[in-house]
PDB file of N, CA and C in Angstrom:
ATOM      1  N   MET A   1     -43.264  64.322-119.742  1.00  0.00           N
ATOM      2  CA  MET A   1     -43.486  64.947-121.337  1.00  0.00           C
ATOM      3  C   MET A   1     -44.308  65.492-121.713  1.00  0.00           C
ATOM      4  N   TYR A   2     -43.509  66.262-122.937  1.00  0.00           N
ATOM      5  CA  TYR A   2     -43.633  66.840-124.191  1.00  0.00           C
ATOM      6  C   TYR A   2     -43.055  66.330-124.537  1.00  0.00           C
ATOM      7  N   LEU A   3     -44.483  67.175-126.180  1.00  0.00           N
ATOM      8  CA  LEU A   3     -44.973  66.517-127.478  1.00  0.00           C
ATOM      9  C   LEU A   3     -44.802  68.188-127.659  1.00  0.00           C
ATOM     10  N   TYR A   4     -44.312  68.125-129.399  1.00  0.00           N
ATOM     11  CA  TYR A   4     -44.217  68.791-130.373  1.00  0.00           C
ATOM     12  C   TYR A   4     -45.016  68.190-131.985  1.00  0.00           C
ATOM     13  N   VAL A   5     -45.307  69.414-132.692  1.00  0.00           N
ATOM     14  CA  VAL A   5     -44.560  69.161-134.162  1.00  0.00           C
ATOM     15  C   VAL A   5     -43.211  69.807-134.583  1.00  0.00           C
ATOM     16  N   VAL A   6     -43.217  69.289-136.371  1.00  0.00           N
ATOM     17  CA  VAL A   6     -42.109  69.742-136.786  1.00  0.00           C
ATOM     18  C   VAL A   6     -43.172  69.994-138.052  1.00  0.00           C
ATOM     19  N   MET A   7     -42.942  70.173-138.665  1.00  0.00           N
ATOM     20  CA  MET A   7     -43.876  71.830-139.811  1.00  0.00           C
ATOM     21  C   MET A   7     -42.800  71.929-140.901  1.00  0.00           C
ATOM     22  N   PRO A   8     -41.804  71.223-141.402  1.00  0.00           N
ATOM     23  CA  PRO A   8     -40.845  71.842-142.271  1.00  0.00           C
ATOM     24  C   PRO A   8     -41.478  72.382-143.715  1.00  0.00           C
ATOM     25  N   LYS A   9     -42.753  72.845-143.671  1.00  0.00           N
ATOM     26  CA  LYS A   9     -42.960  73.812-144.639  1.00  0.00           C
ATOM     27  C   LYS A   9     -43.979  74.999-144.439  1.00  0.00           C
ATOM     28  N   ALA A  10     -44.175  74.912-142.803  1.00  0.00           N
ATOM     29  CA  ALA A  10     -44.804  76.210-142.615  1.00  0.00           C
ATOM     30  C   ALA A  10     -43.766  77.483-142.398  1.00  0.00           C
ATOM     31  N   GLU A  11     -44.951  77.774-141.412  1.00  0.00           N
ATOM     32  CA  GLU A  11     -43.711  79.403-142.021  1.00  0.00           C
ATOM     33  C   GLU A  11     -43.714  79.454-140.638  1.00  0.00           C
ATOM     34  N   GLU A  12     -41.948  80.221-139.810  1.00  0.00           N
ATOM     35  CA  GLU A  12     -42.156  79.853-138.885  1.00  0.00           C
ATOM     36  C   GLU A  12     -41.785  81.402-137.822  1.00  0.00           C
ATOM     37  N   TYR A  13     -42.382  80.344-137.618  1.00  0.00           N
ATOM     38  CA  TYR A  13     -42.528  82.059-135.271  1.00  0.00           C
ATOM     39  C   TYR A  13     -40.971  82.031-134.431  1.00  0.00           C
ATOM     40  N   LEU A  14     -41.118  83.526-134.488  1.00  0.00           N
ATOM     41  CA  LEU A  14     -40.363  83.716-133.740  1.00  0.00           C
ATOM     42  C   LEU A  14     -39.773  83.020-132.248  1.00  0.00           C
ATOM     43  N   TRP A  15     -41.352  82.867-131.708  1.00  0.00           N
ATOM     44  CA  TRP A  15     -41.879  82.690-130.520  1.00  0.00           C
ATOM     45  C   TRP A  15     -41.887  81.752-130.370  1.00  0.00           C
ATOM     46  N   VAL A  16     -41.478  80.644-131.421  1.00  0.00           N
ATOM     47  CA  VAL A  16     -41.347  78.846-131.487  1.00  0.00           C
ATOM     48  C   VAL A  16     -39.743  78.966-130.751  1.00  0.00           C
ATOM     49  N   GLU A  17     -38.816  79.551-131.157  1.00  0.00           N
ATOM     50  CA  GLU A  17     -37.594  79.468-131.528  1.00  0.00           C
ATOM     51  C   GLU A  17     -37.493  80.214-128.973  1.00  0.00           C
ATOM     52  N   GLU A  18     -36.336  79.369-128.344  1.00  0.00           N
ATOM     53  CA  GLU A  18     -35.970  78.994-127.562  1.00  0.00           C
ATOM     54  C   GLU A  18     -34.825  81.906-127.193  1.00  0.00           C
ATOM     55  N   ARG A  19     -34.843  81.812-126.594  1.00  0.00           N
ATOM     56  CA  ARG A  19     -34.522  82.856-126.585  1.00  0.00           C
ATOM     57  C   ARG A  19     -33.495  82.850-125.798  1.00  0.00           C
ATOM     58  N   MET A  20     -31.956  82.855-125.816  1.00  0.00           N
ATOM     59  CA  MET A  20     -31.310  83.258-124.100  1.00  0.00           C
ATOM     60  C   MET A  20     -31.386  84.492-123.160  1.00  0.00           C
ATOM     61  N   ASP A  21     -31.627  85.753-123.920  1.00  0.00           N
ATOM     62  CA  ASP A  21     -32.152  87.294-123.396  1.00  0.00           C
ATOM     63  C   ASP A  21     -32.585  86.986-122.631  1.00  0.00           C
ATOM     64  N   ILE A  22     -33.863  86.119-122.444  1.00  0.00           N
ATOM     65  CA  ILE A  22     -35.035  86.341-121.427  1.00  0.00           C
ATOM     66  C   ILE A  22     -35.021  85.087-120.164  1.00  0.00           C
ATOM     67  N   PRO A  23     -34.960  85.591-119.098  1.00  0.00           N
ATOM     68  CA  PRO A  23     -35.100  85.043-117.883  1.00  0.00           C
ATOM     69  C   PRO A  23     -36.277  83.914-118.116  1.00  0.00           C
ATOM     70  N   LYS A  24     -35.385  82.015-117.950  1.00  0.00           N
ATOM     71  CA  LYS A  24     -37.150  81.165-117.640  1.00  0.00           C
ATOM     72  C   LYS A  24     -37.898  81.397-115.883  1.00  0.00           C
ATOM     73  N   GLY A  25     -38.566  80.761-116.431  1.00  0.00           N
ATOM     74  CA  GLY A  25     -39.729  80.510-115.168  1.00  0.00           C
ATOM     75  C   GLY A  25     -39.587  78.600-115.016  1.00  0.00           C
ATOM     76  N   ASN A  26     -41.238  78.093-114.142  1.00  0.00           N
ATOM     77  CA  ASN A  26     -41.040  77.348-114.521  1.00  0.00           C
ATOM     78  C   ASN A  26     -42.198  76.729-114.268  1.00  0.00           C
ATOM     79  N   ILE A  27     -41.698  74.926-114.186  1.00  0.00           N
ATOM     80  CA  ILE A  27     -42.809  74.338-115.108  1.00  0.00           C
ATOM     81  C   ILE A  27     -43.774  72.886-113.495  1.00  0.00           C
ATOM     82  N   GLU A  28     -44.272  73.728-112.808  1.00  0.00           N
ATOM     83  CA  GLU A  28     -44.705  72.645-111.978  1.00  0.00           C
ATOM     84  C   GLU A  28     -45.996  72.317-111.666  1.00  0.00           C
ATOM     85  N   GLU A  29     -45.968  70.491-111.489  1.00  0.00           N
ATOM     86  CA  GLU A  29     -47.107  69.791-111.425  1.00  0.00           C
ATOM     87  C   GLU A  29     -47.610  68.877-109.804  1.00  0.00           C
ATOM     88  N   TYR A  30     -49.279  69.786-109.921  1.00  0.00           N
ATOM     89  CA  TYR A  30     -49.904  69.900-108.801  1.00  0.00           C
ATOM     90  C   TYR A  30     -50.730  68.918-109.288  1.00  0.00           C
ATOM     91  N   LYS A  31     -51.498  67.745-107.859  1.00  0.00           N
ATOM     92  CA  LYS A  31     -51.896  66.938-108.483  1.00  0.00           C
ATOM     93  C   LYS A  31     -53.193  66.633-107.119  1.00  0.00           C
ATOM     94  N   PHE A  32     -54.464  66.907-107.640  1.00  0.00           N
ATOM     95  CA  PHE A  32     -55.922  66.905-106.562  1.00  0.00           C
ATOM     96  C   PHE A  32     -56.958  65.915-107.294  1.00  0.00           C
ATOM     97  N   HIS A  33     -58.075  66.020-106.072  1.00  0.00           N
ATOM     98  CA  HIS A  33     -58.420  64.578-106.425  1.00  0.00           C
ATOM     99  C   HIS A  33     -60.027  65.724-107.202  1.00  0.00           C
ATOM    100  N   SER A  34     -60.579  65.257-107.713  1.00  0.00           N
ATOM    101  CA  SER A  34     -61.705  65.533-108.576  1.00  0.00           C
ATOM    102  C   SER A  34     -62.269  65.270-108.368  1.00  0.00           C
ATOM    103  N   GLU A  35     -63.684  65.532-106.920  1.00  0.00           N
ATOM    104  CA  GLU A  35     -65.165  65.325-106.964  1.00  0.00           C
ATOM    105  C   GLU A  35     -66.191  64.955-108.293  1.00  0.00           C
ATOM    106  N   LYS A  36     -65.979  66.317-108.878  1.00  0.00           N
ATOM    107  CA  LYS A  36     -67.071  65.915-109.560  1.00  0.00           C
ATOM    108  C   LYS A  36     -66.451  65.260-111.604  1.00  0.00           C
ATOM    109  N   LEU A  37     -65.209  64.608-111.705  1.00  0.00           N
ATOM    110  CA  LEU A  37     -65.118  62.906-112.770  1.00  0.00           C
ATOM    111  C   LEU A  37     -64.648  62.278-111.162  1.00  0.00           C
ATOM    112  N   GLU A  38     -64.693  62.976-110.506  1.00  0.00           N
ATOM    113  CA  GLU A  38     -64.030  60.841-109.060  1.00  0.00           C
ATOM    114  C   GLU A  38     -62.916  60.756-109.225  1.00  0.00           C
ATOM    115  N   GLU A  39     -62.027  61.292-109.700  1.00  0.00           N
ATOM    116  CA  GLU A  39     -60.878  60.234-109.674  1.00  0.00           C
ATOM    117  C   GLU A  39     -59.893  61.749-109.140  1.00  0.00           C
ATOM    118  N   ASN A  40     -58.844  60.854-109.625  1.00  0.00           N
ATOM    119  CA  ASN A  40     -57.260  61.465-109.626  1.00  0.00           C
ATOM    120  C   ASN A  40     -57.217  62.716-110.726  1.00  0.00           C
ATOM    121  N   ARG A  41     -56.634  64.265-110.811  1.00  0.00           N
ATOM    122  CA  ARG A  41     -56.418  64.767-112.485  1.00  0.00           C
ATOM    123  C   ARG A  41     -55.025  65.624-110.758  1.00  0.00           C
ATOM    124  N   ARG A  42     -54.484  65.926-111.896  1.00  0.00           N
ATOM    125  CA  ARG A  42     -53.770  66.814-112.220  1.00  0.00           C
ATOM    126  C   ARG A  42     -52.891  68.360-113.409  1.00  0.00           C
ATOM    127  N   ILE A  43     -52.008  68.998-112.641  1.00  0.00           N
ATOM    128  CA  ILE A  43     -52.465  70.295-113.493  1.00  0.00           C
ATOM    129  C   ILE A  43     -50.913  70.104-113.392  1.00  0.00           C
ATOM    130  N   ARG A  44     -50.071  70.453-114.701  1.00  0.00           N
ATOM    131  CA  ARG A  44     -49.470  71.386-114.813  1.00  0.00           C
ATOM    132  C   ARG A  44     -49.355  73.144-115.340  1.00  0.00           C
ATOM    133  N   MET A  45     -48.300  74.303-114.022  1.00  0.00           N
ATOM    134  CA  MET A  45     -48.844  75.264-114.137  1.00  0.00           C
ATOM    135  C   MET A  45     -47.112  76.268-114.968  1.00  0.00           C
ATOM    136  N   TYR A  46     -47.505  76.767-114.780  1.00  0.00           N
ATOM    137  CA  TYR A  46     -46.521  77.480-115.698  1.00  0.00           C
ATOM    138  C   TYR A  46     -46.004  78.789-114.495  1.00  0.00           C
ATOM    139  N   THR A  47     -45.131  79.328-113.718  1.00  0.00           N
ATOM    140  CA  THR A  47     -44.381  80.418-113.404  1.00  0.00           C
ATOM    141  C   THR A  47     -43.596  80.777-114.116  1.00  0.00           C
ATOM    142  N   PRO A  48     -43.878  82.250-113.476  1.00  0.00           N
ATOM    143  CA  PRO A  48     -42.107  82.575-114.321  1.00  0.00           C
ATOM    144  C   PRO A  48     -40.810  83.488-112.724  1.00  0.00           C
ATOM    145  N   GLN A  49     -39.972  83.632-113.847  1.00  0.00           N
ATOM    146  CA  GLN A  49     -38.457  83.371-112.910  1.00  0.00           C
ATOM    147  C   GLN A  49     -39.379  84.009-112.063  1.00  0.00           C
ATOM    148  N   GLY A  50     -38.916  85.111-110.619  1.00  0.00           N
ATOM    149  CA  GLY A  50     -39.376  84.910-109.798  1.00  0.00           C
ATOM    150  C   GLY A  50     -40.973  85.005-108.873  1.00  0.00           C
ATOM    151  N   TYR A  51     -40.894  84.440-109.673  1.00  0.00           N
ATOM    152  CA  TYR A  51     -42.768  84.659-109.134  1.00  0.00           C
ATOM    153  C   TYR A  51     -42.175  83.789-107.540  1.00  0.00           C
ATOM    154  N   LYS A  52     -43.035  84.913-106.294  1.00  0.00           N
ATOM    155  CA  LYS A  52     -43.513  84.089-104.720  1.00  0.00           C
ATOM    156  C   LYS A  52     -44.749  82.536-104.968  1.00  0.00           C
ATOM    157  N   LYS A  53     -44.139  81.818-104.046  1.00  0.00           N
ATOM    158  CA  LYS A  53     -45.044  81.128-103.719  1.00  0.00           C
ATOM    159  C   LYS A  53     -46.352  81.424-102.579  1.00  0.00           C
ATOM    160  N   MET A  54     -47.376  81.471-102.449  1.00  0.00           N
ATOM    161  CA  MET A  54     -48.481  81.904-101.960  1.00  0.00           C
ATOM    162  C   MET A  54     -49.247  80.592-101.209  1.00  0.00           C
ATOM    163  N   VAL A  55     -50.042  81.177-100.404  1.00  0.00           N
ATOM    164  CA  VAL A  55     -50.674  80.492 -99.509  1.00  0.00           C
ATOM    165  C   VAL A  55     -51.464  79.056-100.502  1.00  0.00           C
ATOM    166  N   ASN A  56     -51.602  77.163-100.374  1.00  0.00           N
ATOM    167  CA  ASN A  56     -52.136  77.091-101.298  1.00  0.00           C
ATOM    168  C   ASN A  56     -53.476  76.276-100.508  1.00  0.00           C
ATOM    169  N   HIS A  57     -54.426  77.966-101.705  1.00  0.00           N
ATOM    170  CA  HIS A  57     -55.553  77.634-101.093  1.00  0.00           C
ATOM    171  C   HIS A  57     -56.218  76.487-102.255  1.00  0.00           C
ATOM    172  N   MET A  58     -56.001  76.314-102.561  1.00  0.00           N
ATOM    173  CA  MET A  58     -56.068  75.637-103.591  1.00  0.00           C
ATOM    174  C   MET A  58     -56.239  73.527-103.354  1.00  0.00           C
ATOM    175  N   ASN A  59     -56.252  73.830-102.453  1.00  0.00           N
ATOM    176  CA  ASN A  59     -55.759  72.243-101.615  1.00  0.00           C
ATOM    177  C   ASN A  59     -55.222  70.922-102.293  1.00  0.00           C
ATOM    178  N   PHE A  60     -53.563  71.696-103.868  1.00  0.00           N
ATOM    179  CA  PHE A  60     -53.086  71.090-104.678  1.00  0.00           C
ATOM    180  C   PHE A  60     -52.335  70.823-103.887  1.00  0.00           C
ATOM    181  N   THR A  61     -52.005  69.732-104.300  1.00  0.00           N
ATOM    182  CA  THR A  61     -50.560  68.529-103.060  1.00  0.00           C
ATOM    183  C   THR A  61     -49.239  68.281-104.280  1.00  0.00           C
TER     184      THR A  61
END
């Protein structure tokens, strides 16, 4: 789920609009157990197009 706010009177910024001339990356979700919080957590990570996944040294699942 993605949330955003539309503010009609706010100044418009170029970075808000989708640009079709730029390659798109991916958003991946990983899950892990936090020993400090004593619960399962999740993190979403953006990777640019062409990113090569390396060894999973963070123990994400």
